[in-house]
Amino acid sequence: SQQYPGQAVVITGQPTVFATQGALARPVNDYLGYSIFTMLCCCLPIGIAALIHSIFTRDAIRNGDQTTAEKSSRMARNLNHTALGIGLAVFIASIIFIVVTLATA
């Protein structure tokens, strides 16, 4: 077929799809953003551990190791929840301490 100026080009056909080792596996969340948040705002030591497990999860996903990715993801999530709980507990305790201190003064 001949193309004329101003004519749109339409390409027909199916896109090429490459199957990878983990293509049919469930997607695994790495919780990287959550780890960075808990590290900076809640509990630094546990947040660092969560960040390390998040990075391990990303590496395992990149290597196609579904089992290791799921284990690291679970550990990162649990560490993040723990760090968030500790951070909230410290925050609430400090508010209670300030209120009680000001009330007695």
PDB file of N, CA and C in Angstrom:
ATOM      1  N   SER A   1       0.839  -1.177   0.000  1.00  0.00           N
ATOM      2  CA  SER A   1       0.000   0.000   0.000  1.00  0.00           C
ATOM      3  C   SER A   1       0.881   1.236   0.000  1.00  0.00           C
ATOM      4  N   GLN A   2       0.367   2.269  -0.581  1.00  0.00           N
ATOM      5  CA  GLN A   2       1.112   3.509  -0.720  1.00  0.00           C
ATOM      6  C   GLN A   2       0.667   4.484   0.362  1.00  0.00           C
ATOM      7  N   GLN A   3       1.623   5.246   0.906  1.00  0.00           N
ATOM      8  CA  GLN A   3       1.316   6.206   1.964  1.00  0.00           C
ATOM      9  C   GLN A   3       1.305   7.605   1.376  1.00  0.00           C
ATOM     10  N   TYR A   4       0.273   8.387   1.746  1.00  0.00           N
ATOM     11  CA  TYR A   4       0.124   9.746   1.265  1.00  0.00           C
ATOM     12  C   TYR A   4       0.398  10.716   2.399  1.00  0.00           C
ATOM     13  N   PRO A   5       0.808  11.966   2.106  1.00  0.00           N
ATOM     14  CA  PRO A   5       1.065  12.947   3.161  1.00  0.00           C
ATOM     15  C   PRO A   5      -0.185  13.176   4.005  1.00  0.00           C
ATOM     16  N   GLY A   6       0.007  13.199   5.326  1.00  0.00           N
ATOM     17  CA  GLY A   6      -1.095  13.437   6.241  1.00  0.00           C
ATOM     18  C   GLY A   6      -1.882  12.185   6.590  1.00  0.00           C
ATOM     19  N   GLN A   7      -1.516  11.054   5.985  1.00  0.00           N
ATOM     20  CA  GLN A   7      -2.229   9.811   6.249  1.00  0.00           C
ATOM     21  C   GLN A   7      -1.672   9.156   7.512  1.00  0.00           C
ATOM     22  N   ALA A   8      -2.567   8.682   8.374  1.00  0.00           N
ATOM     23  CA  ALA A   8      -2.136   8.017   9.599  1.00  0.00           C
ATOM     24  C   ALA A   8      -1.650   6.605   9.283  1.00  0.00           C
ATOM     25  N   VAL A   9      -0.625   6.180   9.991  1.00  0.00           N
ATOM     26  CA  VAL A   9      -0.087   4.840   9.803  1.00  0.00           C
ATOM     27  C   VAL A   9      -0.703   3.945  10.872  1.00  0.00           C
ATOM     28  N   VAL A  10      -1.320   2.873  10.451  1.00  0.00           N
ATOM     29  CA  VAL A  10      -1.933   1.923  11.371  1.00  0.00           C
ATOM     30  C   VAL A  10      -1.197   0.608  11.246  1.00  0.00           C
ATOM     31  N   ILE A  11      -0.680   0.136  12.380  1.00  0.00           N
ATOM     32  CA  ILE A  11       0.049  -1.130  12.390  1.00  0.00           C
ATOM     33  C   ILE A  11      -0.872  -2.175  12.992  1.00  0.00           C
ATOM     34  N   THR A  12      -1.081  -3.243  12.269  1.00  0.00           N
ATOM     35  CA  THR A  12      -1.940  -4.311  12.773  1.00  0.00           C
ATOM     36  C   THR A  12      -1.080  -5.492  13.159  1.00  0.00           C
ATOM     37  N   GLY A  13      -1.574  -6.260  14.104  1.00  0.00           N
ATOM     38  CA  GLY A  13      -0.835  -7.432  14.563  1.00  0.00           C
ATOM     39  C   GLY A  13      -0.881  -7.517  16.072  1.00  0.00           C
ATOM     40  N   GLN A  14      -0.466  -8.620  16.588  1.00  0.00           N
ATOM     41  CA  GLN A  14      -0.469  -8.851  18.019  1.00  0.00           C
ATOM     42  C   GLN A  14       0.881  -8.466  18.610  1.00  0.00           C
ATOM     43  N   PRO A  15       0.873  -7.889  19.829  1.00  0.00           N
ATOM     44  CA  PRO A  15       2.155  -7.577  20.469  1.00  0.00           C
ATOM     45  C   PRO A  15       2.864  -8.869  20.888  1.00  0.00           C
ATOM     46  N   THR A  16       4.169  -8.815  20.919  1.00  0.00           N
ATOM     47  CA  THR A  16       4.957  -9.969  21.333  1.00  0.00           C
ATOM     48  C   THR A  16       4.979 -10.037  22.849  1.00  0.00           C
ATOM     49  N   VAL A  17       4.683 -11.189  23.389  1.00  0.00           N
ATOM     50  CA  VAL A  17       4.667 -11.393  24.829  1.00  0.00           C
ATOM     51  C   VAL A  17       5.686 -12.473  25.161  1.00  0.00           C
ATOM     52  N   PHE A  18       6.574 -12.161  26.084  1.00  0.00           N
ATOM     53  CA  PHE A  18       7.585 -13.116  26.505  1.00  0.00           C
ATOM     54  C   PHE A  18       7.198 -13.671  27.865  1.00  0.00           C
ATOM     55  N   ALA A  19       7.183 -14.977  27.988  1.00  0.00           N
ATOM     56  CA  ALA A  19       6.862 -15.613  29.266  1.00  0.00           C
ATOM     57  C   ALA A  19       8.130 -15.722  30.092  1.00  0.00           C
ATOM     58  N   THR A  20       8.029 -15.328  31.344  1.00  0.00           N
ATOM     59  CA  THR A  20       9.166 -15.447  32.248  1.00  0.00           C
ATOM     60  C   THR A  20       8.871 -16.538  33.265  1.00  0.00           C
ATOM     61  N   GLN A  21       9.838 -16.834  34.078  1.00  0.00           N
ATOM     62  CA  GLN A  21       9.697 -17.910  35.049  1.00  0.00           C
ATOM     63  C   GLN A  21       8.562 -17.632  36.025  1.00  0.00           C
ATOM     64  N   GLY A  22       8.410 -16.407  36.473  1.00  0.00           N
ATOM     65  CA  GLY A  22       7.396 -16.077  37.458  1.00  0.00           C
ATOM     66  C   GLY A  22       6.187 -15.374  36.869  1.00  0.00           C
ATOM     67  N   ALA A  23       5.920 -15.557  35.592  1.00  0.00           N
ATOM     68  CA  ALA A  23       4.846 -14.816  34.942  1.00  0.00           C
ATOM     69  C   ALA A  23       3.476 -15.193  35.491  1.00  0.00           C
ATOM     70  N   LEU A  24       3.280 -16.433  35.887  1.00  0.00           N
ATOM     71  CA  LEU A  24       1.988 -16.868  36.373  1.00  0.00           C
ATOM     72  C   LEU A  24       1.877 -16.784  37.887  1.00  0.00           C
ATOM     73  N   ALA A  25       2.954 -16.435  38.552  1.00  0.00           N
ATOM     74  CA  ALA A  25       2.967 -16.362  40.013  1.00  0.00           C
ATOM     75  C   ALA A  25       2.275 -15.083  40.481  1.00  0.00           C
ATOM     76  N   ARG A  26       1.835 -15.118  41.741  1.00  0.00           N
ATOM     77  CA  ARG A  26       1.200 -13.940  42.335  1.00  0.00           C
ATOM     78  C   ARG A  26       2.223 -12.819  42.460  1.00  0.00           C
ATOM     79  N   PRO A  27       1.792 -11.571  42.255  1.00  0.00           N
ATOM     80  CA  PRO A  27       2.727 -10.458  42.474  1.00  0.00           C
ATOM     81  C   PRO A  27       3.040 -10.319  43.962  1.00  0.00           C
ATOM     82  N   VAL A  28       4.276  -9.963  44.260  1.00  0.00           N
ATOM     83  CA  VAL A  28       4.735  -9.841  45.642  1.00  0.00           C
ATOM     84  C   VAL A  28       5.019  -8.376  45.916  1.00  0.00           C
ATOM     85  N   ASN A  29       4.477  -7.861  47.019  1.00  0.00           N
ATOM     86  CA  ASN A  29       4.695  -6.477  47.412  1.00  0.00           C
ATOM     87  C   ASN A  29       6.007  -6.387  48.176  1.00  0.00           C
ATOM     88  N   ASP A  30       6.829  -5.387  47.862  1.00  0.00           N
ATOM     89  CA  ASP A  30       8.118  -5.267  48.552  1.00  0.00           C
ATOM     90  C   ASP A  30       8.064  -4.305  49.747  1.00  0.00           C
ATOM     91  N   TYR A  31       7.009  -3.545  49.903  1.00  0.00           N
ATOM     92  CA  TYR A  31       6.810  -2.628  51.041  1.00  0.00           C
ATOM     93  C   TYR A  31       7.965  -1.635  51.206  1.00  0.00           C
ATOM     94  N   LEU A  32       8.580  -1.236  50.117  1.00  0.00           N
ATOM     95  CA  LEU A  32       9.733  -0.332  50.200  1.00  0.00           C
ATOM     96  C   LEU A  32       9.333   1.039  50.742  1.00  0.00           C
ATOM     97  N   GLY A  33       8.262   1.606  50.243  1.00  0.00           N
ATOM     98  CA  GLY A  33       7.819   2.915  50.727  1.00  0.00           C
ATOM     99  C   GLY A  33       7.433   2.890  52.195  1.00  0.00           C
ATOM    100  N   TYR A  34       6.731   1.844  52.582  1.00  0.00           N
ATOM    101  CA  TYR A  34       6.337   1.664  53.982  1.00  0.00           C
ATOM    102  C   TYR A  34       7.577   1.536  54.860  1.00  0.00           C
ATOM    103  N   SER A  35       8.596   0.820  54.366  1.00  0.00           N
ATOM    104  CA  SER A  35       9.839   0.646  55.131  1.00  0.00           C
ATOM    105  C   SER A  35      10.571   1.975  55.318  1.00  0.00           C
ATOM    106  N   ILE A  36      10.611   2.774  54.275  1.00  0.00           N
ATOM    107  CA  ILE A  36      11.276   4.067  54.380  1.00  0.00           C
ATOM    108  C   ILE A  36      10.528   4.960  55.366  1.00  0.00           C
ATOM    109  N   PHE A  37       9.190   4.941  55.303  1.00  0.00           N
ATOM    110  CA  PHE A  37       8.391   5.734  56.238  1.00  0.00           C
ATOM    111  C   PHE A  37       8.643   5.313  57.683  1.00  0.00           C
ATOM    112  N   THR A  38       8.573   4.002  57.963  1.00  0.00           N
ATOM    113  CA  THR A  38       8.757   3.548  59.343  1.00  0.00           C
ATOM    114  C   THR A  38      10.180   3.784  59.826  1.00  0.00           C
ATOM    115  N   MET A  39      11.136   3.718  58.908  1.00  0.00           N
ATOM    116  CA  MET A  39      12.523   3.980  59.294  1.00  0.00           C
ATOM    117  C   MET A  39      12.702   5.443  59.696  1.00  0.00           C
ATOM    118  N   LEU A  40      12.120   6.352  58.945  1.00  0.00           N
ATOM    119  CA  LEU A  40      12.319   7.774  59.202  1.00  0.00           C
ATOM    120  C   LEU A  40      11.398   8.334  60.283  1.00  0.00           C
ATOM    121  N   CYS A  41      10.193   7.795  60.411  1.00  0.00           N
ATOM    122  CA  CYS A  41       9.198   8.422  61.280  1.00  0.00           C
ATOM    123  C   CYS A  41       8.827   7.634  62.528  1.00  0.00           C
ATOM    124  N   CYS A  42       9.103   6.359  62.571  1.00  0.00           N
ATOM    125  CA  CYS A  42       8.575   5.563  63.683  1.00  0.00           C
ATOM    126  C   CYS A  42       9.670   4.987  64.570  1.00  0.00           C
ATOM    127  N   CYS A  43      10.398   4.019  64.051  1.00  0.00           N
ATOM    128  CA  CYS A  43      11.394   3.324  64.862  1.00  0.00           C
ATOM    129  C   CYS A  43      12.582   2.992  63.963  1.00  0.00           C
ATOM    130  N   LEU A  44      13.658   3.727  64.113  1.00  0.00           N
ATOM    131  CA  LEU A  44      14.797   3.616  63.214  1.00  0.00           C
ATOM    132  C   LEU A  44      15.381   2.207  63.121  1.00  0.00           C
ATOM    133  N   PRO A  45      15.708   1.520  64.214  1.00  0.00           N
ATOM    134  CA  PRO A  45      16.351   0.202  64.069  1.00  0.00           C
ATOM    135  C   PRO A  45      15.462  -0.832  63.374  1.00  0.00           C
ATOM    136  N   ILE A  46      14.192  -0.880  63.756  1.00  0.00           N
ATOM    137  CA  ILE A  46      13.295  -1.848  63.116  1.00  0.00           C
ATOM    138  C   ILE A  46      12.994  -1.422  61.679  1.00  0.00           C
ATOM    139  N   GLY A  47      12.925  -0.123  61.437  1.00  0.00           N
ATOM    140  CA  GLY A  47      12.723   0.373  60.074  1.00  0.00           C
ATOM    141  C   GLY A  47      13.880   0.018  59.160  1.00  0.00           C
ATOM    142  N   ILE A  48      15.097   0.037  59.673  1.00  0.00           N
ATOM    143  CA  ILE A  48      16.259  -0.360  58.867  1.00  0.00           C
ATOM    144  C   ILE A  48      16.168  -1.838  58.519  1.00  0.00           C
ATOM    145  N   ALA A  49      15.787  -2.671  59.502  1.00  0.00           N
ATOM    146  CA  ALA A  49      15.635  -4.104  59.233  1.00  0.00           C
ATOM    147  C   ALA A  49      14.551  -4.344  58.183  1.00  0.00           C
ATOM    148  N   ALA A  50      13.445  -3.596  58.275  1.00  0.00           N
ATOM    149  CA  ALA A  50      12.367  -3.718  57.293  1.00  0.00           C
ATOM    150  C   ALA A  50      12.842  -3.286  55.905  1.00  0.00           C
ATOM    151  N   LEU A  51      13.639  -2.225  55.854  1.00  0.00           N
ATOM    152  CA  LEU A  51      14.183  -1.761  54.580  1.00  0.00           C
ATOM    153  C   LEU A  51      15.084  -2.817  53.952  1.00  0.00           C
ATOM    154  N   ILE A  52      15.899  -3.466  54.761  1.00  0.00           N
ATOM    155  CA  ILE A  52      16.782  -4.516  54.250  1.00  0.00           C
ATOM    156  C   ILE A  52      15.960  -5.664  53.673  1.00  0.00           C
ATOM    157  N   HIS A  53      14.900  -6.062  54.363  1.00  0.00           N
ATOM    158  CA  HIS A  53      14.060  -7.144  53.846  1.00  0.00           C
ATOM    159  C   HIS A  53      13.294  -6.712  52.599  1.00  0.00           C
ATOM    160  N   SER A  54      12.946  -5.439  52.510  1.00  0.00           N
ATOM    161  CA  SER A  54      12.304  -4.941  51.296  1.00  0.00           C
ATOM    162  C   SER A  54      13.254  -5.029  50.107  1.00  0.00           C
ATOM    163  N   ILE A  55      14.508  -4.709  50.339  1.00  0.00           N
ATOM    164  CA  ILE A  55      15.503  -4.797  49.263  1.00  0.00           C
ATOM    165  C   ILE A  55      15.738  -6.259  48.887  1.00  0.00           C
ATOM    166  N   PHE A  56      15.764  -7.161  49.897  1.00  0.00           N
ATOM    167  CA  PHE A  56      15.882  -8.591  49.600  1.00  0.00           C
ATOM    168  C   PHE A  56      14.703  -9.066  48.755  1.00  0.00           C
ATOM    169  N   THR A  57      13.519  -8.547  49.045  1.00  0.00           N
ATOM    170  CA  THR A  57      12.339  -8.920  48.270  1.00  0.00           C
ATOM    171  C   THR A  57      12.489  -8.479  46.826  1.00  0.00           C
ATOM    172  N   ARG A  58      12.950  -7.259  46.606  1.00  0.00           N
ATOM    173  CA  ARG A  58      13.148  -6.778  45.237  1.00  0.00           C
ATOM    174  C   ARG A  58      14.169  -7.618  44.486  1.00  0.00           C
ATOM    175  N   ASP A  59      15.257  -7.974  45.159  1.00  0.00           N
ATOM    176  CA  ASP A  59      16.276  -8.814  44.527  1.00  0.00           C
ATOM    177  C   ASP A  59      15.717 -10.185  44.166  1.00  0.00           C
ATOM    178  N   ALA A  60      14.923 -10.770  45.066  1.00  0.00           N
ATOM    179  CA  ALA A  60      14.343 -12.086  44.800  1.00  0.00           C
ATOM    180  C   ALA A  60      13.344 -12.017  43.642  1.00  0.00           C
ATOM    181  N   ILE A  61      12.572 -10.943  43.574  1.00  0.00           N
ATOM    182  CA  ILE A  61      11.640 -10.771  42.457  1.00  0.00           C
ATOM    183  C   ILE A  61      12.410 -10.665  41.153  1.00  0.00           C
ATOM    184  N   ARG A  62      13.478  -9.881  41.162  1.00  0.00           N
ATOM    185  CA  ARG A  62      14.285  -9.700  39.960  1.00  0.00           C
ATOM    186  C   ARG A  62      14.914 -11.020  39.503  1.00  0.00           C
ATOM    187  N   ASN A  63      15.287 -11.873  40.474  1.00  0.00           N
ATOM    188  CA  ASN A  63      15.902 -13.160  40.142  1.00  0.00           C
ATOM    189  C   ASN A  63      14.880 -14.247  39.858  1.00  0.00           C
ATOM    190  N   GLY A  64      13.602 -13.955  40.055  1.00  0.00           N
ATOM    191  CA  GLY A  64      12.551 -14.924  39.781  1.00  0.00           C
ATOM    192  C   GLY A  64      12.348 -15.938  40.891  1.00  0.00           C
ATOM    193  N   ASP A  65      12.855 -15.656  42.085  1.00  0.00           N
ATOM    194  CA  ASP A  65      12.735 -16.572  43.221  1.00  0.00           C
ATOM    195  C   ASP A  65      11.485 -16.204  44.022  1.00  0.00           C
ATOM    196  N   GLN A  66      10.358 -16.814  43.685  1.00  0.00           N
ATOM    197  CA  GLN A  66       9.066 -16.479  44.283  1.00  0.00           C
ATOM    198  C   GLN A  66       9.035 -16.789  45.777  1.00  0.00           C
ATOM    199  N   THR A  67       9.584 -17.929  46.184  1.00  0.00           N
ATOM    200  CA  THR A  67       9.522 -18.335  47.591  1.00  0.00           C
ATOM    201  C   THR A  67      10.282 -17.371  48.481  1.00  0.00           C
ATOM    202  N   THR A  68      11.496 -17.029  48.111  1.00  0.00           N
ATOM    203  CA  THR A  68      12.293 -16.084  48.892  1.00  0.00           C
ATOM    204  C   THR A  68      11.647 -14.704  48.899  1.00  0.00           C
ATOM    205  N   ALA A  69      11.086 -14.301  47.777  1.00  0.00           N
ATOM    206  CA  ALA A  69      10.416 -13.000  47.701  1.00  0.00           C
ATOM    207  C   ALA A  69       9.234 -12.943  48.660  1.00  0.00           C
ATOM    208  N   GLU A  70       8.449 -14.019  48.718  1.00  0.00           N
ATOM    209  CA  GLU A  70       7.294 -14.031  49.627  1.00  0.00           C
ATOM    210  C   GLU A  70       7.731 -14.013  51.086  1.00  0.00           C
ATOM    211  N   LYS A  71       8.777 -14.764  51.427  1.00  0.00           N
ATOM    212  CA  LYS A  71       9.269 -14.774  52.814  1.00  0.00           C
ATOM    213  C   LYS A  71       9.810 -13.408  53.224  1.00  0.00           C
ATOM    214  N   SER A  72      10.612 -12.800  52.359  1.00  0.00           N
ATOM    215  CA  SER A  72      11.169 -11.479  52.672  1.00  0.00           C
ATOM    216  C   SER A  72      10.075 -10.426  52.737  1.00  0.00           C
ATOM    217  N   SER A  73       9.080 -10.539  51.865  1.00  0.00           N
ATOM    218  CA  SER A  73       7.971  -9.592  51.866  1.00  0.00           C
ATOM    219  C   SER A  73       7.185  -9.696  53.168  1.00  0.00           C
ATOM    220  N   ARG A  74       6.907 -10.917  53.605  1.00  0.00           N
ATOM    221  CA  ARG A  74       6.188 -11.119  54.859  1.00  0.00           C
ATOM    222  C   ARG A  74       6.966 -10.546  56.039  1.00  0.00           C
ATOM    223  N   MET A  75       8.276 -10.790  56.053  1.00  0.00           N
ATOM    224  CA  MET A  75       9.113 -10.280  57.144  1.00  0.00           C
ATOM    225  C   MET A  75       9.150  -8.753  57.125  1.00  0.00           C
ATOM    226  N   ALA A  76       9.271  -8.152  55.945  1.00  0.00           N
ATOM    227  CA  ALA A  76       9.275  -6.687  55.835  1.00  0.00           C
ATOM    228  C   ALA A  76       7.951  -6.114  56.335  1.00  0.00           C
ATOM    229  N   ARG A  77       6.841  -6.752  55.955  1.00  0.00           N
ATOM    230  CA  ARG A  77       5.529  -6.277  56.415  1.00  0.00           C
ATOM    231  C   ARG A  77       5.403  -6.366  57.931  1.00  0.00           C
ATOM    232  N   ASN A  78       5.813  -7.497  58.502  1.00  0.00           N
ATOM    233  CA  ASN A  78       5.719  -7.661  59.951  1.00  0.00           C
ATOM    234  C   ASN A  78       6.607  -6.663  60.691  1.00  0.00           C
ATOM    235  N   LEU A  79       7.807  -6.450  60.197  1.00  0.00           N
ATOM    236  CA  LEU A  79       8.702  -5.468  60.822  1.00  0.00           C
ATOM    237  C   LEU A  79       8.129  -4.056  60.706  1.00  0.00           C
ATOM    238  N   ASN A  80       7.546  -3.743  59.563  1.00  0.00           N
ATOM    239  CA  ASN A  80       6.936  -2.423  59.380  1.00  0.00           C
ATOM    240  C   ASN A  80       5.765  -2.220  60.335  1.00  0.00           C
ATOM    241  N   HIS A  81       4.913  -3.238  60.481  1.00  0.00           N
ATOM    242  CA  HIS A  81       3.794  -3.127  61.408  1.00  0.00           C
ATOM    243  C   HIS A  81       4.297  -2.944  62.840  1.00  0.00           C
ATOM    244  N   THR A  82       5.348  -3.685  63.202  1.00  0.00           N
ATOM    245  CA  THR A  82       5.914  -3.573  64.548  1.00  0.00           C
ATOM    246  C   THR A  82       6.485  -2.171  64.780  1.00  0.00           C
ATOM    247  N   ALA A  83       7.242  -1.670  63.809  1.00  0.00           N
ATOM    248  CA  ALA A  83       7.829  -0.338  63.936  1.00  0.00           C
ATOM    249  C   ALA A  83       6.740   0.730  64.031  1.00  0.00           C
ATOM    250  N   LEU A  84       5.689   0.586  63.239  1.00  0.00           N
ATOM    251  CA  LEU A  84       4.589   1.547  63.299  1.00  0.00           C
ATOM    252  C   LEU A  84       3.902   1.494  64.657  1.00  0.00           C
ATOM    253  N   GLY A  85       3.683   0.301  65.179  1.00  0.00           N
ATOM    254  CA  GLY A  85       3.067   0.166  66.498  1.00  0.00           C
ATOM    255  C   GLY A  85       3.910   0.796  67.586  1.00  0.00           C
ATOM    256  N   ILE A  86       5.215   0.565  67.553  1.00  0.00           N
ATOM    257  CA  ILE A  86       6.112   1.173  68.546  1.00  0.00           C
ATOM    258  C   ILE A  86       6.113   2.689  68.404  1.00  0.00           C
ATOM    259  N   GLY A  87       6.169   3.170  67.175  1.00  0.00           N
ATOM    260  CA  GLY A  87       6.151   4.613  66.947  1.00  0.00           C
ATOM    261  C   GLY A  87       4.880   5.264  67.453  1.00  0.00           C
ATOM    262  N   LEU A  88       3.732   4.637  67.191  1.00  0.00           N
ATOM    263  CA  LEU A  88       2.464   5.184  67.686  1.00  0.00           C
ATOM    264  C   LEU A  88       2.391   5.138  69.206  1.00  0.00           C
ATOM    265  N   ALA A  89       2.882   4.040  69.793  1.00  0.00           N
ATOM    266  CA  ALA A  89       2.868   3.926  71.257  1.00  0.00           C
ATOM    267  C   ALA A  89       3.724   5.010  71.900  1.00  0.00           C
ATOM    268  N   VAL A  90       4.901   5.256  71.353  1.00  0.00           N
ATOM    269  CA  VAL A  90       5.780   6.301  71.890  1.00  0.00           C
ATOM    270  C   VAL A  90       5.137   7.675  71.712  1.00  0.00           C
ATOM    271  N   PHE A  91       4.521   7.904  70.559  1.00  0.00           N
ATOM    272  CA  PHE A  91       3.862   9.183  70.301  1.00  0.00           C
ATOM    273  C   PHE A  91       2.720   9.421  71.281  1.00  0.00           C
ATOM    274  N   ILE A  92       1.882   8.422  71.472  1.00  0.00           N
ATOM    275  CA  ILE A  92       0.749   8.562  72.400  1.00  0.00           C
ATOM    276  C   ILE A  92       1.243   8.718  73.834  1.00  0.00           C
ATOM    277  N   ALA A  93       2.260   7.948  74.222  1.00  0.00           N
ATOM    278  CA  ALA A  93       2.809   8.059  75.578  1.00  0.00           C
ATOM    279  C   ALA A  93       3.400   9.441  75.824  1.00  0.00           C
ATOM    280  N   SER A  94       4.069  10.005  74.822  1.00  0.00           N
ATOM    281  CA  SER A  94       4.643  11.341  75.004  1.00  0.00           C
ATOM    282  C   SER A  94       3.555  12.404  75.105  1.00  0.00           C
ATOM    283  N   ILE A  95       2.456  12.248  74.359  1.00  0.00           N
ATOM    284  CA  ILE A  95       1.343  13.195  74.473  1.00  0.00           C
ATOM    285  C   ILE A  95       0.725  13.102  75.870  1.00  0.00           C
ATOM    286  N   ILE A  96       0.513  11.884  76.355  1.00  0.00           N
ATOM    287  CA  ILE A  96      -0.039  11.705  77.695  1.00  0.00           C
ATOM    288  C   ILE A  96       0.896  12.304  78.743  1.00  0.00           C
ATOM    289  N   PHE A  97       2.192  12.090  78.589  1.00  0.00           N
ATOM    290  CA  PHE A  97       3.167  12.642  79.523  1.00  0.00           C
ATOM    291  C   PHE A  97       3.119  14.158  79.538  1.00  0.00           C
ATOM    292  N   ILE A  98       3.049  14.778  78.357  1.00  0.00           N
ATOM    293  CA  ILE A  98       3.002  16.237  78.272  1.00  0.00           C
ATOM    294  C   ILE A  98       1.722  16.778  78.908  1.00  0.00           C
ATOM    295  N   VAL A  99       0.592  16.136  78.636  1.00  0.00           N
ATOM    296  CA  VAL A  99      -0.685  16.593  79.198  1.00  0.00           C
ATOM    297  C   VAL A  99      -0.669  16.465  80.707  1.00  0.00           C
ATOM    298  N   VAL A 100      -0.183  15.349  81.222  1.00  0.00           N
ATOM    299  CA  VAL A 100      -0.132  15.158  82.670  1.00  0.00           C
ATOM    300  C   VAL A 100       0.839  16.156  83.307  1.00  0.00           C
ATOM    301  N   THR A 101       1.970  16.388  82.691  1.00  0.00           N
ATOM    302  CA  THR A 101       2.953  17.342  83.213  1.00  0.00           C
ATOM    303  C   THR A 101       2.375  18.756  83.241  1.00  0.00           C
ATOM    304  N   LEU A 102       1.712  19.161  82.183  1.00  0.00           N
ATOM    305  CA  LEU A 102       1.115  20.505  82.151  1.00  0.00           C
ATOM    306  C   LEU A 102      -0.055  20.620  83.121  1.00  0.00           C
ATOM    307  N   ALA A 103      -0.789  19.544  83.330  1.00  0.00           N
ATOM    308  CA  ALA A 103      -1.924  19.594  84.244  1.00  0.00           C
ATOM    309  C   ALA A 103      -1.487  19.721  85.690  1.00  0.00           C
ATOM    310  N   THR A 104      -0.356  19.146  86.040  1.00  0.00           N
ATOM    311  CA  THR A 104       0.139  19.217  87.413  1.00  0.00           C
ATOM    312  C   THR A 104       0.915  20.499  87.671  1.00  0.00           C
ATOM    313  N   ALA A 105       1.288  21.190  86.652  1.00  0.00           N
ATOM    314  CA  ALA A 105       2.107  22.403  86.831  1.00  0.00           C
ATOM    315  C   ALA A 105       1.316  23.607  87.187  1.00  0.00           C
TER     316      ALA A 105
END
